[in-house]
Protein backbone atom coordinates (compact mmCIF):
# COMPACT_ATOMS: atom_id res chain seq x y z
CA UNK A 1 -0.21 0.21 0.01
CA UNK A 2 1.58 3.36 -0.99
CA UNK A 3 1.62 5.83 2.28
CA UNK A 4 0.63 9.19 0.96
CA UNK A 5 0.81 11.76 4.02
CA UNK A 6 -1.85 14.13 4.60
CA UNK A 7 -1.42 17.88 4.91
CA UNK A 8 -0.54 17.95 8.99
CA UNK A 9 2.14 15.22 8.37
CA UNK A 10 0.60 12.24 9.74
CA UNK A 11 0.93 8.71 7.30
CA UNK A 12 -2.67 7.87 6.21
CA UNK A 13 -1.70 4.50 8.06
CA UNK A 14 -1.60 5.72 11.16
CA UNK A 15 -5.56 5.08 10.95
CA UNK A 16 -4.32 1.99 13.20
CA UNK A 17 -2.88 4.04 16.08
CA UNK A 18 -0.69 0.59 16.48
CA UNK A 19 2.62 2.46 17.32
CA UNK A 20 0.35 4.73 20.49
CA UNK A 21 -0.76 1.17 22.13
CA UNK A 22 2.90 -0.13 21.83
CA UNK A 23 4.61 2.88 23.68
CA UNK A 24 1.58 2.74 26.37
CA UNK A 25 2.62 -1.19 26.73
CA UNK A 26 6.29 -0.41 26.96
CA UNK A 27 6.25 2.42 29.46
CA UNK A 28 3.95 0.39 31.41
CA UNK A 29 6.19 -2.23 31.61
CA UNK A 30 9.46 -0.36 32.01
CA UNK A 31 8.98 1.83 35.22
CA UNK A 32 4.99 0.55 36.35
CA UNK A 33 3.53 4.62 35.51
CA UNK A 34 0.95 4.76 33.16
CA UNK A 35 1.78 7.00 30.40
CA UNK A 36 -0.36 9.82 29.08
CA UNK A 37 -1.25 10.40 25.57
CA UNK A 38 -0.17 14.27 24.36
CA UNK A 39 -3.57 16.18 24.82
CA UNK A 40 -5.35 17.17 21.36
CA UNK A 41 -5.40 20.85 20.35
CA UNK A 42 -8.34 23.06 21.51
CA UNK A 43 -9.78 23.13 18.53
CA UNK A 44 -9.26 19.43 16.94
CA UNK A 45 -11.77 17.89 15.25
CA UNK A 46 -12.01 14.70 13.67
CA UNK A 47 -14.33 11.73 12.69
CA UNK A 48 -14.01 7.95 12.17
CA UNK A 49 -15.78 5.00 12.12
CA UNK A 50 -16.57 1.58 14.35
CA UNK A 51 -15.98 -1.69 13.08
CA UNK A 52 -14.45 -4.66 14.44
CA UNK A 53 -11.70 -6.35 12.12
CA UNK A 54 -13.48 -9.31 12.60
CA UNK A 55 -16.60 -7.97 10.29
CA UNK A 56 -14.53 -7.33 7.61
CA UNK A 57 -15.66 -9.04 4.03
CA UNK A 58 -13.40 -12.26 3.79
CA UNK A 59 -13.94 -15.50 1.78
CA UNK A 60 -12.15 -16.95 4.75
CA UNK A 61 -14.80 -16.33 7.22
CA UNK A 62 -14.23 -14.12 9.40
CA UNK A 63 -12.41 -10.82 8.58
CA UNK A 64 -8.66 -10.52 9.10
CA UNK A 65 -5.58 -7.72 9.34
CA UNK A 66 -5.05 -8.61 5.55
CA UNK A 67 -5.58 -6.67 2.01
CA UNK A 68 -9.35 -5.88 2.89
CA UNK A 69 -8.13 -4.46 6.05
CA UNK A 70 -5.87 -2.19 4.00
CA UNK A 71 -7.98 -1.19 1.49
CA UNK A 72 -10.51 -0.17 4.09
CA UNK A 73 -8.03 1.98 5.66
CA UNK A 74 -7.55 3.63 2.08
CA UNK A 75 -11.54 3.63 1.61
CA UNK A 76 -11.21 5.23 4.95
CA UNK A 77 -8.50 7.88 4.03
CA UNK A 78 -10.24 8.71 0.70
CA UNK A 79 -13.88 9.42 2.68
CA UNK A 80 -11.99 12.26 4.97
CA UNK A 81 -11.95 9.86 7.95
CA UNK A 82 -9.16 10.21 10.63
CA UNK A 83 -9.63 7.51 12.94
CA UNK A 84 -10.67 3.60 12.76
CA UNK A 85 -11.97 2.59 15.90
CA UNK A 86 -12.34 -1.42 16.28
CA UNK A 87 -13.16 -3.64 19.75
CA UNK A 88 -11.08 -5.50 21.31
CA UNK A 89 -8.40 -7.37 19.71
CA UNK A 90 -7.62 -9.73 21.93
CA UNK A 91 -7.86 -13.98 22.05
CA UNK A 92 -11.45 -14.95 22.38
CA UNK A 93 -12.95 -16.89 25.34
CA UNK A 94 -16.73 -17.96 26.19
CA UNK A 95 -18.89 -16.99 23.81
CA UNK A 96 -16.05 -15.84 21.02
CA UNK A 97 -16.97 -12.18 22.73
CA UNK A 98 -14.00 -9.50 22.41
CA UNK A 99 -14.71 -8.22 24.96
CA UNK A 100 -14.10 -12.01 26.76
CA UNK A 101 -10.64 -12.11 26.08
CA UNK A 102 -8.20 -14.64 27.61
CA UNK A 103 -5.03 -12.57 27.19
CA UNK A 104 -4.30 -8.98 27.65
CA UNK A 105 -1.58 -8.89 25.24
CA UNK A 106 -1.85 -11.50 22.61
CA UNK A 107 -3.59 -11.01 19.83
CA UNK A 108 -6.40 -13.29 18.14
CA UNK A 109 -4.70 -15.68 15.69
CA UNK A 110 -8.61 -15.98 14.00
CA UNK A 111 -7.53 -12.03 12.40
CA UNK A 112 -4.60 -13.71 11.23
CA UNK A 113 -4.64 -12.83 7.66
CA UNK A 114 -4.12 -16.56 4.99
CA UNK A 115 -3.24 -13.98 2.42
CA UNK A 116 -0.34 -12.59 4.47
CA UNK A 117 0.86 -15.96 5.18
CA UNK A 118 0.92 -17.49 1.59
CA UNK A 119 2.80 -13.71 1.17
CA UNK A 120 5.59 -15.55 3.86
CA UNK A 121 5.70 -18.40 2.16
CA UNK A 122 4.53 -20.19 5.04
CA UNK A 123 1.11 -21.55 2.79
CA UNK A 124 0.20 -22.11 -0.20
CA UNK A 125 -3.12 -20.97 -1.90
CA UNK A 126 -4.30 -25.04 -2.19
CA UNK A 127 -3.63 -24.58 1.53
CA UNK A 128 -6.29 -21.90 1.81
CA UNK A 129 -8.60 -22.67 -0.31
CA UNK A 130 -12.01 -21.88 1.31
CA UNK A 131 -14.73 -24.09 2.89
CA UNK A 132 -18.90 -22.81 2.18
CA UNK A 133 -19.21 -20.00 4.86
CA UNK A 134 -21.94 -17.82 6.34
CA UNK A 135 -22.35 -14.42 4.07
CA UNK A 136 -24.07 -12.50 6.43
CA UNK A 137 -22.15 -13.77 10.36
CA UNK A 138 -19.18 -15.37 11.64
CA UNK A 139 -20.09 -19.09 11.56
CA UNK A 140 -17.37 -19.77 14.62
CA UNK A 141 -17.88 -23.65 14.86
CA UNK A 142 -16.67 -23.94 10.98
CA UNK A 143 -14.16 -20.83 11.17
CA UNK A 144 -12.31 -21.70 14.31
CA UNK A 145 -11.05 -25.74 13.10
CA UNK A 146 -10.21 -24.32 9.63
CA UNK A 147 -7.95 -21.20 10.99
CA UNK A 148 -6.96 -23.42 13.37
CA UNK A 149 -5.37 -25.71 10.64
CA UNK A 150 -4.17 -23.14 8.60
CA UNK A 151 -2.05 -21.59 11.90
CA UNK A 152 -0.81 -25.57 12.02
CA UNK A 153 0.36 -25.87 8.49
CA UNK A 154 2.01 -22.79 8.76
CA UNK A 155 4.02 -23.11 11.74
CA UNK A 156 5.27 -26.34 10.67
CA UNK A 157 6.44 -24.92 7.02
CA UNK A 158 7.79 -22.57 9.45
CA UNK A 159 9.75 -25.30 11.03
CA UNK A 160 11.26 -26.82 8.41
CA UNK A 161 12.01 -23.30 6.28
CA UNK A 162 15.37 -22.13 6.57
CA UNK A 163 13.90 -18.43 6.12
CA UNK A 164 16.33 -16.37 8.45
CA UNK A 165 14.47 -13.17 8.09
CA UNK A 166 11.14 -14.76 9.30
CA UNK A 167 13.48 -16.51 12.19
CA UNK A 168 15.11 -13.48 13.06
CA UNK A 169 11.53 -11.44 13.45
CA UNK A 170 9.87 -14.86 15.58
CA UNK A 171 12.59 -14.63 17.56
CA UNK A 172 12.68 -11.06 18.28
CA UNK A 173 9.06 -10.99 18.80
CA UNK A 174 9.61 -13.43 21.47
CA UNK A 175 12.30 -11.55 23.35
CA UNK A 176 10.69 -8.33 23.33
CA UNK A 177 7.28 -10.26 24.62
CA UNK A 178 9.23 -13.02 26.97
CA UNK A 179 7.84 -11.08 30.09
CA UNK A 180 4.17 -12.30 29.06
CA UNK A 181 4.27 -14.75 26.11
CA UNK A 182 5.98 -17.94 27.67
CA UNK A 183 2.78 -17.98 30.20
CA UNK A 184 -0.09 -17.68 27.99
CA UNK A 185 1.71 -20.05 25.59
CA UNK A 186 1.82 -22.81 28.26
CA UNK A 187 -1.98 -21.56 29.32
CA UNK A 188 -3.22 -22.26 25.88
CA UNK A 189 -1.50 -25.29 25.64
CA UNK A 190 -3.15 -26.70 29.11
CA UNK A 191 -6.53 -25.05 28.18
CA UNK A 192 -8.08 -28.09 26.19
CA UNK A 193 -7.64 -30.13 29.21
CA UNK A 194 -10.11 -28.00 31.25
CA UNK A 195 -13.20 -29.62 31.70
CA UNK A 196 -14.21 -28.34 35.13
CA UNK A 197 -14.43 -24.30 35.94
CA UNK A 198 -11.10 -22.94 37.53
CA UNK A 199 -11.63 -19.74 39.33
CA UNK A 200 -8.62 -17.20 40.66
CA UNK A 201 -9.67 -18.96 44.36
CA UNK A 202 -10.73 -21.83 45.84
CA UNK A 203 -9.79 -26.08 45.72
CA UNK A 204 -9.97 -25.55 41.81
CA UNK A 205 -7.84 -22.24 41.02
CA UNK A 206 -5.61 -22.47 38.63
CA UNK A 207 -2.15 -22.91 41.70
CA UNK A 208 -3.92 -26.02 42.56
CA UNK A 209 -5.22 -27.13 39.13
CA UNK A 210 -1.88 -26.83 37.21
CA UNK A 211 0.19 -29.58 38.58
CA UNK A 212 -2.50 -32.26 37.36
CA UNK A 213 -2.79 -30.60 34.35
CA UNK A 214 0.77 -30.34 33.76
CA UNK A 215 1.47 -34.08 34.26
CA UNK A 216 -1.48 -34.96 31.56
CA UNK A 217 -0.63 -32.58 29.34
CA UNK A 218 3.21 -33.64 29.32
CA UNK A 219 3.34 -36.93 28.46
CA UNK A 220 1.36 -36.02 25.20
CA UNK A 221 4.14 -33.02 24.72
CA UNK A 222 6.79 -35.84 24.42
CA UNK A 223 5.95 -36.53 21.19
CA UNK A 224 4.15 -34.00 19.85
CA UNK A 225 5.68 -30.92 20.84
CA UNK A 226 6.11 -28.72 17.80
CA UNK A 227 2.22 -28.55 18.05
CA UNK A 228 2.55 -26.05 21.57
CA UNK A 229 1.99 -22.43 20.34
CA UNK A 230 5.42 -21.83 22.19
CA UNK A 231 8.03 -23.90 20.61
CA UNK A 232 10.25 -23.02 23.82
CA UNK A 233 7.81 -23.69 26.24
CA UNK A 234 6.83 -27.24 24.40
CA UNK A 235 10.42 -27.74 24.15
CA UNK A 236 10.73 -26.95 28.36
CA UNK A 237 7.53 -29.52 28.55
CA UNK A 238 9.38 -31.64 26.69
CA UNK A 239 12.58 -31.94 28.75
CA UNK A 240 10.66 -31.98 32.23
CA UNK A 241 8.28 -34.22 31.21
């Protein structure tokens, strides 16, 4: 996408406002204080549109952060809009609601663009032949296994391919986000084994349930550790099993 700059010098790709969130997160992690954004000028006026990423049109059953999202930003810019407000982008939990996120840091894997994975050489177009998804709603029962199959294929290709650029970016991501990534990856690996409610306290709290879940899962990870969300977490699981 060609980035043209508006009269005030902002890049129109700034509609995503991603850098501001990155800065806030880094600030909170570095010294514990919550940074504040610069105040808008007194005469500042702007408009935008509220649209969840998942609501973008897509042949893959759910909108994602791929080419359609970039074209949407182009359309907003062409219409004179300054802001794109989306619903929370975290991994959804109960009811697939964006307001029931499993993590404050991780992104929703369902919003990863298959087109982007094809561009990176991690998928073939034939891998992504879309199923017959509903046109007017998101059928999560069909979308979730479809998208997870694509991500497992992409991860498998990543593990065997020797793409130095992708591996470097992956390692940098793991290093930058190590303060939450390992625990989250382990949580997601254990989550499918949870069959009873687990609360923050009580007899079946996470602290009580963790050893039991670990013993159950680690046996399977000896042979299938590459299926886990984080290679380093799964390697640790395999070694400790």
